[in-house]
Amino acid sequence: MISFDDRHGPEDAAPASAYPDLTVPDWYRDAKFGIFIHWGLYSVPGWADVLDRSDVTEDNAYARHQYAEWYANTVRIEGSPTRERHLKLFGEDHGYEDFAEVWDPIRSSPAAMVQLARKAGAKYLVPTSKHHDGFCLWDSQTTDFTAAHHKPGRDLIAKLEEAARAAGLRFGLYYSGALDWHESDFGPITSHEELFSFRRNDEEFAAFAAAQLRELIDRFSPDILWNDIDWPDAGKHDGPNSLQQIFREYLQKVPSGMINDRWGVPVHGVATREYQDIDSVQDEVFEATRGLGLSFGFNHDESAEHALTGAEVICLLVDVVSKNGNLLLNIGPRADGTIPELQTLALEELGAWINEYGEAIYATRPWMHEAVRTPPEGVRFTRGTDGTGQEQLHVLLLDPEAGEVRLSAEVSAAIRELAEVPERGEKKGAAGGASDGTDEAAGSVDPGERKDADRSDDADAVTDGPDRDDDDDQEEPAAAHLEGDRVVITPGDATDPVAVVTLPVR
């Protein structure tokens, strides 16, 4: 996937010094988790080619695009599965923009989306105000190609914002800055090169994009401006419609606002990573984003084999947060605004877990020690404070069913230097077992030392979980203890998607 934070131009555009400070605000770093919503005309046909991806190559990837929200582009590629299906279902005379006359969302659906996001534990919401198809979900004065002027008959962004603010969520907006197929005459995009070359860079279109972005800022005061696929080059020079001027206006109106990295300019706030795995703790704050399946927009053909389970979503959130990221997880509603059951179930499972272990996620920061820059297999770390201000180190096991985990000498030493870890069998006094003398590689977990979680003789460590009874049939909580110079993590309840042990920092 493409990274945008180092992509900028043209050469004579305004330098970084012309832009305001785009430091990522603390509220965003504390929030950790947001919900993306891709909902638009593309939700009506709701389809992308995902059933058999075995023969997808770089040459045919755009004709076989997995993103349903790219329907307006894919349907124009001769011979594409999307075009063949469209002709069969809708006919030659039915253009993409005709879906604007049949899209009829349920009026209560924006509020229901927000309720689901809140139940999942999200702290912010980012719906698509305009995707690459050019259809505006707000009542824009710049074009009639809007939800208010067509079948939906109302300002859908206003409804989402009202519900989000009432639920106490921060509210951001996605906007497609340089791609607007309704306002362009380019052919369909068929390659990464055309992704950036088939876009308007003229002054008229730059002024049009600036007017739309100003409408969104003035009307909704979004906490996040989430742009996609660059910005018209004519808007990157000095002038009243320059992007640097709009950024200044935005931050004057929303001082704690945040801007992402997809503008094609030499400054950015948060770096976005789309469907990418980050392998180490990052110095720079980033935002990982992906759909619950293979697409952002709703796809009728996506099933359980394409979708993340609740447990996988929980592991993804933990992994991203531990590496200095936020997770912006997408839901793709059906055209009527209802959420597919696969997505709902995964988000509800995430919400139940984060309601129990949120102290290890919200308002935390990554542990930046060199011993865990590349985390041990199956183990992640975050740092935070409890309600009294006590600093804490959270140790999170991504696979509790694998049993006990014995950390390497280097990682164990780093933990012991930072946090209090009881000896094996220790409650409040001193006593401990002997080391086995082995010396695993730095940062590794010895798979041979994974053991059953049934350890009735182990001491309880401080945990982030709920209070548990002492009944014999009750699972022991997750715990950490020392065996010689090694830290051993016992997951406790193996049915937890991710086990959490919390240790007080010295």
Protein backbone atom coordinates (compact mmCIF):
# COMPACT_ATOMS: atom_id res chain seq x y z
CA MET A 1 0.00 0.00 0.00
CA ILE A 2 1.05 3.60 -0.65
CA SER A 3 2.44 5.83 2.11
CA PHE A 4 1.69 9.53 1.73
CA ASP A 5 3.73 11.32 4.40
CA ASP A 6 6.81 11.72 2.15
CA ARG A 7 4.87 12.46 -1.03
CA HIS A 8 4.77 16.17 -1.92
CA GLY A 9 5.15 18.50 -4.88
CA PRO A 10 5.39 20.29 -7.27
CA GLU A 11 8.91 21.62 -6.69
CA ASP A 12 7.89 25.30 -6.74
CA ALA A 13 5.05 24.84 -4.24
CA ALA A 14 5.06 26.56 -0.84
CA PRO A 15 7.74 25.21 1.51
CA ALA A 16 7.11 23.65 4.91
CA SER A 17 7.83 26.99 6.59
CA ALA A 18 4.69 28.46 4.98
CA TYR A 19 2.43 26.10 6.92
CA PRO A 20 1.25 26.28 10.54
CA ASP A 21 2.38 23.81 13.18
CA LEU A 22 0.56 20.50 12.68
CA THR A 23 1.68 18.74 15.86
CA VAL A 24 -0.63 15.84 16.70
CA PRO A 25 -2.82 16.96 19.65
CA ASP A 26 -2.85 15.08 22.94
CA TRP A 27 -6.58 14.38 22.79
CA TYR A 28 -5.97 12.32 19.68
CA ARG A 29 -3.05 10.43 21.21
CA ASP A 30 -5.24 9.64 24.22
CA ALA A 31 -8.25 8.53 22.13
CA LYS A 32 -6.51 5.57 20.46
CA PHE A 33 -9.55 4.28 18.59
CA GLY A 34 -11.90 5.79 16.02
CA ILE A 35 -14.54 4.55 13.60
CA PHE A 36 -14.31 5.34 9.89
CA ILE A 37 -17.59 5.26 7.91
CA HIS A 38 -17.58 4.72 4.14
CA TRP A 39 -21.16 5.30 3.06
CA GLY A 40 -22.29 6.78 -0.24
CA LEU A 41 -23.67 6.02 -3.70
CA TYR A 42 -21.27 3.09 -3.97
CA SER A 43 -23.22 1.46 -1.13
CA VAL A 44 -26.21 1.00 -3.48
CA PRO A 45 -24.58 -1.51 -5.86
CA GLY A 46 -22.37 -2.56 -2.92
CA TRP A 47 -19.96 -4.82 -4.76
CA ALA A 48 -16.31 -5.48 -5.50
CA ASP A 49 -14.54 -8.52 -6.90
CA VAL A 50 -13.33 -10.49 -3.85
CA LEU A 51 -14.45 -14.11 -4.26
CA ASP A 52 -11.25 -15.33 -5.91
CA ARG A 53 -8.17 -13.11 -5.65
CA SER A 54 -5.68 -15.81 -6.68
CA ASP A 55 -5.07 -14.37 -10.16
CA VAL A 56 -4.95 -10.67 -9.21
CA THR A 57 -1.72 -9.07 -10.41
CA GLU A 58 -0.26 -5.57 -10.44
CA ASP A 59 -1.49 -5.22 -14.04
CA ASN A 60 -5.14 -6.07 -13.35
CA ALA A 61 -5.43 -4.87 -9.73
CA TYR A 62 -7.52 -1.81 -10.61
CA ALA A 63 -9.87 -3.80 -12.86
CA ARG A 64 -10.19 -6.28 -9.98
CA HIS A 65 -10.25 -3.60 -7.26
CA GLN A 66 -11.18 -5.00 -3.83
CA TYR A 67 -12.61 -1.68 -2.63
CA ALA A 68 -16.35 -1.39 -3.23
CA GLU A 69 -16.14 2.41 -2.80
CA TRP A 70 -14.13 2.45 -6.05
CA TYR A 71 -17.17 1.18 -7.99
CA ALA A 72 -17.49 4.38 -10.07
CA ASN A 73 -13.97 3.84 -11.39
CA THR A 74 -13.96 0.06 -11.74
CA VAL A 75 -17.27 -0.01 -13.60
CA ARG A 76 -15.70 2.10 -16.39
CA ILE A 77 -12.87 -0.36 -17.05
CA GLU A 78 -13.75 -2.50 -20.08
CA GLY A 79 -13.87 -6.20 -19.23
CA SER A 80 -13.73 -5.70 -15.46
CA PRO A 81 -15.90 -8.04 -13.36
CA THR A 82 -17.61 -4.96 -11.94
CA ARG A 83 -18.59 -3.70 -15.40
CA GLU A 84 -19.83 -7.11 -16.49
CA ARG A 85 -21.96 -7.46 -13.37
CA HIS A 86 -23.27 -3.90 -13.66
CA LEU A 87 -24.41 -4.42 -17.26
CA LYS A 88 -26.15 -7.65 -16.28
CA LEU A 89 -27.98 -6.19 -13.26
CA PHE A 90 -28.62 -2.58 -14.27
CA GLY A 91 -28.16 -2.36 -18.02
CA GLU A 92 -26.11 -0.23 -20.41
CA ASP A 93 -28.21 2.90 -19.86
CA HIS A 94 -27.83 2.94 -16.07
CA GLY A 95 -24.89 5.15 -15.16
CA TYR A 96 -23.22 5.27 -11.77
CA GLU A 97 -24.68 8.69 -10.96
CA ASP A 98 -28.20 7.29 -11.45
CA PHE A 99 -27.78 5.58 -8.07
CA ALA A 100 -28.36 9.04 -6.57
CA GLU A 101 -32.04 8.69 -7.52
CA VAL A 102 -32.56 5.40 -5.69
CA TRP A 103 -30.38 5.73 -2.59
CA ASP A 104 -32.87 5.85 0.29
CA PRO A 105 -31.25 5.58 3.76
CA ILE A 106 -33.27 4.83 6.87
CA ARG A 107 -33.67 8.12 8.71
CA SER A 108 -32.51 6.71 12.03
CA SER A 109 -29.39 5.07 10.57
CA PRO A 110 -26.88 7.87 11.36
CA ALA A 111 -27.78 7.69 15.06
CA ALA A 112 -27.55 3.88 14.98
CA MET A 113 -24.06 4.06 13.46
CA VAL A 114 -22.93 6.39 16.22
CA GLN A 115 -24.43 4.12 18.89
CA LEU A 116 -22.46 1.17 17.50
CA ALA A 117 -19.24 3.20 17.41
CA ARG A 118 -19.72 4.24 21.03
CA LYS A 119 -20.55 0.68 22.08
CA ALA A 120 -17.34 -0.49 20.39
CA GLY A 121 -15.31 1.92 22.53
CA ALA A 122 -14.47 4.45 19.80
CA LYS A 123 -13.58 7.99 20.87
CA TYR A 124 -13.94 9.64 17.47
CA LEU A 125 -15.92 9.23 14.26
CA VAL A 126 -14.78 10.01 10.70
CA PRO A 127 -17.44 9.63 7.97
CA THR A 128 -16.77 10.22 4.28
CA SER A 129 -18.14 13.64 3.35
CA LYS A 130 -17.19 13.16 -0.33
CA HIS A 131 -15.42 10.19 -1.84
CA HIS A 132 -13.71 10.08 -5.24
CA ASP A 133 -17.11 9.84 -7.00
CA GLY A 134 -17.74 13.51 -6.10
CA PHE A 135 -21.09 12.90 -4.38
CA CYS A 136 -21.36 15.19 -1.34
CA LEU A 137 -23.11 13.88 1.76
CA TRP A 138 -23.55 17.41 3.11
CA ASP A 139 -25.75 20.17 1.67
CA SER A 140 -23.02 21.91 -0.33
CA GLN A 141 -23.56 25.21 -2.12
CA THR A 142 -20.81 24.34 -4.63
CA THR A 143 -22.70 21.60 -6.50
CA ASP A 144 -26.12 19.99 -6.82
CA PHE A 145 -24.54 16.53 -6.73
CA THR A 146 -25.39 16.07 -3.07
CA ALA A 147 -27.48 13.90 -0.79
CA ALA A 148 -29.69 16.92 0.00
CA HIS A 149 -30.53 17.51 -3.67
CA HIS A 150 -31.14 13.87 -4.61
CA LYS A 151 -33.08 10.88 -3.28
CA PRO A 152 -31.75 10.93 0.33
CA GLY A 153 -33.21 14.45 0.57
CA ARG A 154 -31.18 15.56 3.59
CA ASP A 155 -27.77 16.51 4.90
CA LEU A 156 -26.37 13.17 6.10
CA ILE A 157 -23.16 14.66 7.52
CA ALA A 158 -25.21 17.02 9.69
CA LYS A 159 -27.14 14.05 11.07
CA LEU A 160 -23.95 12.11 11.81
CA GLU A 161 -22.32 15.12 13.45
CA GLU A 162 -25.33 15.83 15.63
CA ALA A 163 -25.45 12.22 16.85
CA ALA A 164 -21.67 12.01 17.39
CA ARG A 165 -21.45 15.22 19.41
CA ALA A 166 -24.45 14.18 21.51
CA ALA A 167 -22.71 10.86 22.26
CA GLY A 168 -19.55 12.66 23.39
CA LEU A 169 -17.45 11.56 20.40
CA ARG A 170 -14.96 13.73 18.55
CA PHE A 171 -16.04 14.27 14.95
CA GLY A 172 -13.76 14.27 11.93
CA LEU A 173 -14.38 14.35 8.20
CA TYR A 174 -12.92 12.45 5.28
CA TYR A 175 -12.66 14.48 2.05
CA SER A 176 -11.33 13.48 -1.37
CA GLY A 177 -9.19 16.46 -2.28
CA ALA A 178 -7.71 15.76 -5.71
CA LEU A 179 -9.95 13.02 -7.11
CA ASP A 180 -13.47 13.99 -8.12
CA TRP A 181 -14.70 11.86 -11.02
CA HIS A 182 -17.92 13.89 -11.27
CA GLU A 183 -15.91 17.05 -12.00
CA SER A 184 -13.26 15.43 -14.24
CA ASP A 185 -13.03 14.00 -17.76
CA PHE A 186 -10.18 11.54 -17.23
CA GLY A 187 -10.56 7.91 -18.17
CA PRO A 188 -10.68 5.26 -15.46
CA ILE A 189 -7.61 4.85 -13.27
CA THR A 190 -5.87 1.57 -14.06
CA SER A 191 -2.51 1.90 -12.27
CA HIS A 192 -0.75 3.55 -9.31
CA GLU A 193 0.80 6.03 -11.76
CA GLU A 194 -2.62 7.10 -13.02
CA LEU A 195 -3.85 7.37 -9.42
CA PHE A 196 -1.81 10.55 -9.11
CA SER A 197 -1.71 11.72 -12.74
CA PHE A 198 -5.46 11.46 -13.47
CA ARG A 199 -6.38 14.37 -11.21
CA ARG A 200 -7.14 18.01 -11.86
CA ASN A 201 -4.45 20.50 -10.83
CA ASP A 202 -5.90 23.68 -12.40
CA GLU A 203 -6.79 26.85 -10.51
CA GLU A 204 -10.54 26.48 -11.09
CA PHE A 205 -10.66 23.04 -9.52
CA ALA A 206 -8.33 24.11 -6.69
CA ALA A 207 -10.76 26.93 -5.88
CA PHE A 208 -13.68 24.46 -6.03
CA ALA A 209 -11.94 22.08 -3.59
CA ALA A 210 -11.01 24.97 -1.30
CA ALA A 211 -14.64 26.17 -1.24
CA GLN A 212 -15.89 22.72 -0.32
CA LEU A 213 -13.28 22.26 2.40
CA ARG A 214 -14.12 25.69 3.84
CA GLU A 215 -17.81 24.74 3.91
CA LEU A 216 -17.00 21.64 5.92
CA ILE A 217 -14.81 23.60 8.34
CA ASP A 218 -17.31 26.44 8.78
CA ARG A 219 -20.35 24.21 9.20
CA PHE A 220 -19.00 21.29 11.24
CA SER A 221 -15.75 22.44 12.96
CA PRO A 222 -14.34 18.93 12.48
CA ASP A 223 -11.78 17.72 14.99
CA ILE A 224 -9.96 15.92 12.15
CA LEU A 225 -9.43 16.88 8.51
CA TRP A 226 -8.78 13.54 6.84
CA ASN A 227 -7.87 14.19 3.21
CA ASP A 228 -7.23 11.50 0.60
CA ILE A 229 -5.07 11.14 -2.52
CA ASP A 230 -3.34 14.54 -2.60
CA TRP A 231 -4.60 18.08 -3.34
CA PRO A 232 -4.79 20.09 -6.60
CA ASP A 233 -1.31 21.47 -7.30
CA ALA A 234 -2.67 24.97 -8.03
CA GLY A 235 -3.78 25.13 -4.40
CA LYS A 236 -0.28 24.52 -3.02
CA HIS A 237 1.07 27.98 -3.92
CA ASP A 238 0.57 31.28 -2.10
CA GLY A 239 -2.83 32.88 -2.41
CA PRO A 240 -6.25 33.24 -0.75
CA ASN A 241 -7.22 29.66 -1.72
CA SER A 242 -3.87 28.14 -0.81
CA LEU A 243 -3.85 25.05 1.34
CA GLN A 244 -1.55 26.70 3.87
CA GLN A 245 -4.09 29.53 4.27
CA ILE A 246 -6.94 27.05 4.74
CA PHE A 247 -4.91 25.19 7.36
CA ARG A 248 -4.39 28.46 9.25
CA GLU A 249 -8.11 29.24 9.10
CA TYR A 250 -8.95 25.73 10.26
CA LEU A 251 -6.64 25.83 13.28
CA GLN A 252 -7.96 29.26 14.24
CA LYS A 253 -11.47 27.82 14.31
CA VAL A 254 -10.49 24.44 15.79
CA PRO A 255 -7.24 25.02 17.79
CA SER A 256 -7.07 21.36 18.83
CA GLY A 257 -7.80 20.12 15.32
CA MET A 258 -5.71 17.48 13.57
CA ILE A 259 -4.69 17.09 9.94
CA ASN A 260 -3.48 13.89 8.29
CA ASP A 261 -0.70 13.29 5.74
CA ARG A 262 -2.47 12.81 2.40
CA TRP A 263 -2.33 16.35 1.00
CA GLY A 264 0.86 16.13 -1.08
CA VAL A 265 2.56 18.93 0.88
CA PRO A 266 5.79 18.95 2.94
CA VAL A 267 4.04 18.97 6.34
CA HIS A 268 1.61 16.63 8.00
CA GLY A 269 0.03 15.79 11.31
CA VAL A 270 -0.61 12.07 11.67
CA ALA A 271 0.91 9.55 9.25
CA THR A 272 -1.68 7.14 7.83
CA ARG A 273 -1.01 3.44 7.20
CA GLU A 274 -3.69 1.65 5.18
CA TYR A 275 -3.92 -2.14 5.45
CA GLN A 276 -0.28 -2.19 6.57
CA ASP A 277 1.39 -4.15 9.33
CA ILE A 278 3.81 -2.05 11.39
CA ASP A 279 6.58 -4.25 12.76
CA SER A 280 8.13 -2.01 15.41
CA VAL A 281 7.41 0.82 17.84
CA GLN A 282 7.40 4.10 15.89
CA ASP A 283 8.88 7.43 16.94
CA GLU A 284 6.17 9.23 14.96
CA VAL A 285 2.49 8.96 15.82
CA PHE A 286 0.62 7.08 13.11
CA GLU A 287 -2.91 5.97 12.34
CA ALA A 288 -3.57 2.46 11.06
CA THR A 289 -6.73 2.21 9.00
CA ARG A 290 -8.54 -0.65 7.33
CA GLY A 291 -11.97 -2.14 6.86
CA LEU A 292 -13.32 -5.02 8.87
CA GLY A 293 -13.15 -6.94 5.59
CA LEU A 294 -11.29 -6.41 2.32
CA SER A 295 -13.19 -3.22 1.48
CA PHE A 296 -14.13 0.04 3.13
CA GLY A 297 -17.47 0.39 1.33
CA PHE A 298 -20.17 -2.28 1.76
CA ASN A 299 -19.71 -5.39 -0.38
CA HIS A 300 -22.51 -7.95 -0.74
CA ASP A 301 -19.98 -10.72 -1.41
CA GLU A 302 -17.85 -10.28 1.68
CA SER A 303 -18.35 -13.12 4.17
CA ALA A 304 -16.68 -14.47 7.30
CA GLU A 305 -13.66 -15.65 5.30
CA HIS A 306 -12.90 -12.02 4.34
CA ALA A 307 -13.65 -10.40 7.71
CA LEU A 308 -11.78 -9.89 10.98
CA THR A 309 -13.25 -11.64 14.00
CA GLY A 310 -13.74 -9.77 17.24
CA ALA A 311 -10.61 -11.39 18.69
CA GLU A 312 -8.57 -10.35 15.65
CA VAL A 313 -9.80 -6.76 15.95
CA ILE A 314 -8.81 -6.69 19.62
CA CYS A 315 -5.33 -7.98 18.78
CA LEU A 316 -5.05 -5.40 15.99
CA LEU A 317 -5.97 -2.54 18.33
CA VAL A 318 -3.48 -3.69 20.96
CA ASP A 319 -0.71 -4.10 18.37
CA VAL A 320 -1.29 -0.65 16.85
CA VAL A 321 -1.56 1.20 20.17
CA SER A 322 1.58 -0.46 21.55
CA LYS A 323 3.54 0.79 18.53
CA ASN A 324 2.51 4.46 18.92
CA GLY A 325 -0.56 4.35 16.73
CA ASN A 326 -4.29 4.93 16.70
CA LEU A 327 -6.66 2.53 14.98
CA LEU A 328 -9.24 4.00 12.61
CA LEU A 329 -11.41 0.96 11.91
CA ASN A 330 -13.95 1.23 9.14
CA ILE A 331 -17.57 0.15 8.99
CA GLY A 332 -19.25 -0.09 5.61
CA PRO A 333 -23.01 0.31 6.05
CA ARG A 334 -25.48 -1.07 3.54
CA ALA A 335 -27.21 1.54 1.38
CA ASP A 336 -30.05 1.81 3.90
CA GLY A 337 -27.57 2.56 6.66
CA THR A 338 -27.78 -0.75 8.51
CA ILE A 339 -24.53 -2.47 9.51
CA PRO A 340 -23.82 -6.06 8.39
CA GLU A 341 -23.94 -8.56 11.26
CA LEU A 342 -20.31 -9.64 10.78
CA GLN A 343 -19.16 -6.07 11.44
CA THR A 344 -21.57 -5.54 14.33
CA LEU A 345 -20.53 -8.70 16.16
CA ALA A 346 -16.82 -7.94 15.86
CA LEU A 347 -17.30 -4.39 17.16
CA GLU A 348 -19.47 -5.52 20.05
CA GLU A 349 -16.82 -8.06 21.09
CA LEU A 350 -14.18 -5.33 20.91
CA GLY A 351 -16.37 -3.05 23.02
CA ALA A 352 -16.84 -5.70 25.72
CA TRP A 353 -13.06 -6.26 25.93
CA ILE A 354 -12.12 -2.59 25.95
CA ASN A 355 -14.75 -1.86 28.59
CA GLU A 356 -12.87 -4.28 30.85
CA TYR A 357 -9.29 -3.45 29.90
CA GLY A 358 -9.49 0.10 28.62
CA GLU A 359 -6.92 1.36 31.13
CA ALA A 360 -4.28 -0.51 29.12
CA ILE A 361 -5.37 1.30 25.92
CA TYR A 362 -6.79 4.79 26.44
CA ALA A 363 -4.39 7.62 27.31
CA THR A 364 -1.41 5.26 27.20
CA ARG A 365 1.90 5.71 25.41
CA PRO A 366 4.19 3.09 23.89
CA TRP A 367 7.08 1.70 25.88
CA MET A 368 10.06 3.09 23.95
CA HIS A 369 12.81 0.90 25.45
CA GLU A 370 15.20 -0.47 22.81
CA ALA A 371 14.72 -4.00 24.14
CA VAL A 372 11.10 -3.94 22.94
CA ARG A 373 11.33 -1.69 19.85
CA THR A 374 10.55 -4.86 17.96
CA PRO A 375 8.20 -6.50 20.45
CA PRO A 376 8.57 -10.12 21.55
CA GLU A 377 6.38 -12.54 19.65
CA GLY A 378 2.85 -12.44 21.02
CA VAL A 379 3.61 -9.79 23.66
CA ARG A 380 2.92 -6.04 23.57
CA PHE A 381 3.46 -3.21 26.07
CA THR A 382 1.82 0.12 26.87
CA ARG A 383 2.48 2.68 29.62
CA GLY A 384 -0.08 4.76 31.46
CA THR A 385 -1.34 5.84 34.87
CA ASP A 386 -4.16 4.72 37.10
CA GLY A 387 -6.76 6.95 38.73
CA THR A 388 -4.34 7.98 41.48
CA GLY A 389 -1.53 8.97 39.11
CA GLN A 390 0.51 5.80 39.72
CA GLU A 391 2.53 5.00 36.60
CA GLN A 392 1.90 1.56 35.17
CA LEU A 393 3.37 -0.84 32.64
CA HIS A 394 0.77 -2.96 30.86
CA VAL A 395 1.89 -6.32 29.46
CA LEU A 396 -0.56 -7.70 26.89
CA LEU A 397 -0.53 -11.28 25.60
CA LEU A 398 -2.02 -11.67 22.12
CA ASP A 399 -2.57 -15.43 22.43
CA PRO A 400 -3.62 -16.46 25.96
CA GLU A 401 -4.51 -19.97 24.78
CA ALA A 402 -0.79 -20.61 24.11
CA GLY A 403 -0.23 -20.53 27.85
CA GLU A 404 2.58 -19.15 29.96
CA VAL A 405 5.21 -16.96 28.28
CA ARG A 406 8.81 -16.68 29.51
CA LEU A 407 10.47 -13.49 28.31
CA SER A 408 14.08 -13.22 27.20
CA ALA A 409 16.84 -12.04 29.50
CA GLU A 410 17.07 -8.62 27.82
CA VAL A 411 13.33 -7.93 27.92
CA SER A 412 13.09 -9.27 31.48
CA ALA A 413 15.92 -6.98 32.60
CA ALA A 414 14.21 -3.97 31.03
CA ILE A 415 10.92 -4.78 32.81
CA ARG A 416 12.65 -5.34 36.16
CA GLU A 417 14.48 -2.03 35.81
CA LEU A 418 11.19 -0.19 35.25
CA ALA A 419 8.49 -2.00 37.19
CA GLU A 420 7.88 -4.08 40.30
CA VAL A 421 7.57 -7.78 39.55
CA PRO A 422 6.97 -10.27 42.39
CA GLU A 423 9.05 -13.40 42.80
CA ARG A 424 7.28 -16.67 42.07
CA GLY A 425 5.03 -17.50 45.01
CA GLU A 426 5.58 -14.07 46.56
CA LYS A 427 2.64 -12.18 47.96
CA LYS A 428 4.30 -9.27 49.78
CA GLY A 429 7.58 -10.71 50.91
CA ALA A 430 10.69 -11.97 49.15
CA ALA A 431 11.25 -15.48 47.85
CA GLY A 432 11.78 -16.82 44.41
CA GLY A 433 12.76 -19.64 42.17
CA ALA A 434 16.08 -20.24 40.48
CA SER A 435 16.94 -19.30 36.93
CA ASP A 436 17.41 -22.09 34.42
CA GLY A 437 20.47 -20.27 33.10
CA THR A 438 19.43 -20.22 29.44
CA ASP A 439 19.94 -17.11 27.34
CA GLU A 440 17.33 -16.52 24.66
CA ALA A 441 17.89 -13.91 21.96
CA ALA A 442 17.08 -10.34 22.88
CA GLY A 443 13.39 -9.50 22.56
CA SER A 444 12.33 -13.12 21.98
CA VAL A 445 9.96 -15.47 23.74
CA ASP A 446 11.15 -19.03 24.29
CA PRO A 447 8.31 -21.13 22.83
CA GLY A 448 9.56 -24.11 24.76
CA GLU A 449 8.74 -22.27 27.97
CA ARG A 450 5.03 -21.81 27.19
CA LYS A 451 3.08 -23.75 29.84
CA ASP A 452 -0.47 -24.38 30.93
CA ALA A 453 -2.18 -21.44 32.59
CA ASP A 454 -3.28 -23.53 35.61
CA ARG A 455 -0.73 -22.21 38.15
CA SER A 456 -2.39 -22.30 41.57
CA ASP A 457 0.96 -21.72 43.28
CA ASP A 458 1.73 -18.49 41.40
CA ALA A 459 1.33 -15.10 43.03
CA ASP A 460 -1.24 -12.65 41.75
CA ALA A 461 0.27 -9.62 40.01
CA VAL A 462 -1.53 -6.32 39.75
CA THR A 463 -3.96 -6.72 36.85
CA ASP A 464 -6.25 -4.52 34.84
CA GLY A 465 -9.05 -7.04 34.92
CA PRO A 466 -12.17 -7.26 37.08
CA ASP A 467 -12.30 -8.46 40.66
CA ARG A 468 -12.49 -12.24 40.76
CA ASP A 469 -13.82 -14.56 43.46
CA ASP A 470 -11.60 -17.13 45.13
CA ASP A 471 -13.86 -20.04 44.20
CA ASP A 472 -12.06 -23.14 42.94
CA ASP A 473 -13.83 -22.96 39.57
CA GLN A 474 -12.80 -19.33 39.00
CA GLU A 475 -9.92 -18.67 36.61
CA GLU A 476 -6.84 -17.06 38.12
CA PRO A 477 -6.26 -13.53 36.82
CA ALA A 478 -3.41 -12.86 34.44
CA ALA A 479 -0.18 -12.41 36.36
CA ALA A 480 3.56 -11.83 36.14
CA HIS A 481 6.26 -13.28 38.33
CA LEU A 482 10.01 -13.76 38.40
CA GLU A 483 11.78 -17.06 37.94
CA GLY A 484 15.38 -16.20 38.65
CA ASP A 485 16.17 -13.30 36.32
CA ARG A 486 13.29 -13.99 33.91
CA VAL A 487 9.83 -12.47 33.84
CA VAL A 488 7.11 -15.05 33.24
CA ILE A 489 3.61 -14.02 32.18
CA THR A 490 0.70 -16.28 33.02
CA PRO A 491 -2.42 -15.44 30.99
CA GLY A 492 -5.05 -16.60 33.46
CA ASP A 493 -8.36 -16.93 31.62
CA ALA A 494 -7.36 -18.47 28.28
CA THR A 495 -10.69 -17.46 26.75
CA ASP A 496 -9.75 -13.76 26.86
CA PRO A 497 -8.82 -12.58 23.33
CA VAL A 498 -5.91 -10.64 24.86
CA ALA A 499 -4.69 -11.06 28.44
CA VAL A 500 -3.56 -8.00 30.40
CA VAL A 501 -1.11 -7.79 33.28
CA THR A 502 -0.49 -4.38 34.86
CA LEU A 503 2.69 -3.72 36.85
CA PRO A 504 3.36 -0.61 38.97
CA VAL A 505 6.28 1.48 37.74
CA ARG A 506 8.91 2.21 40.40
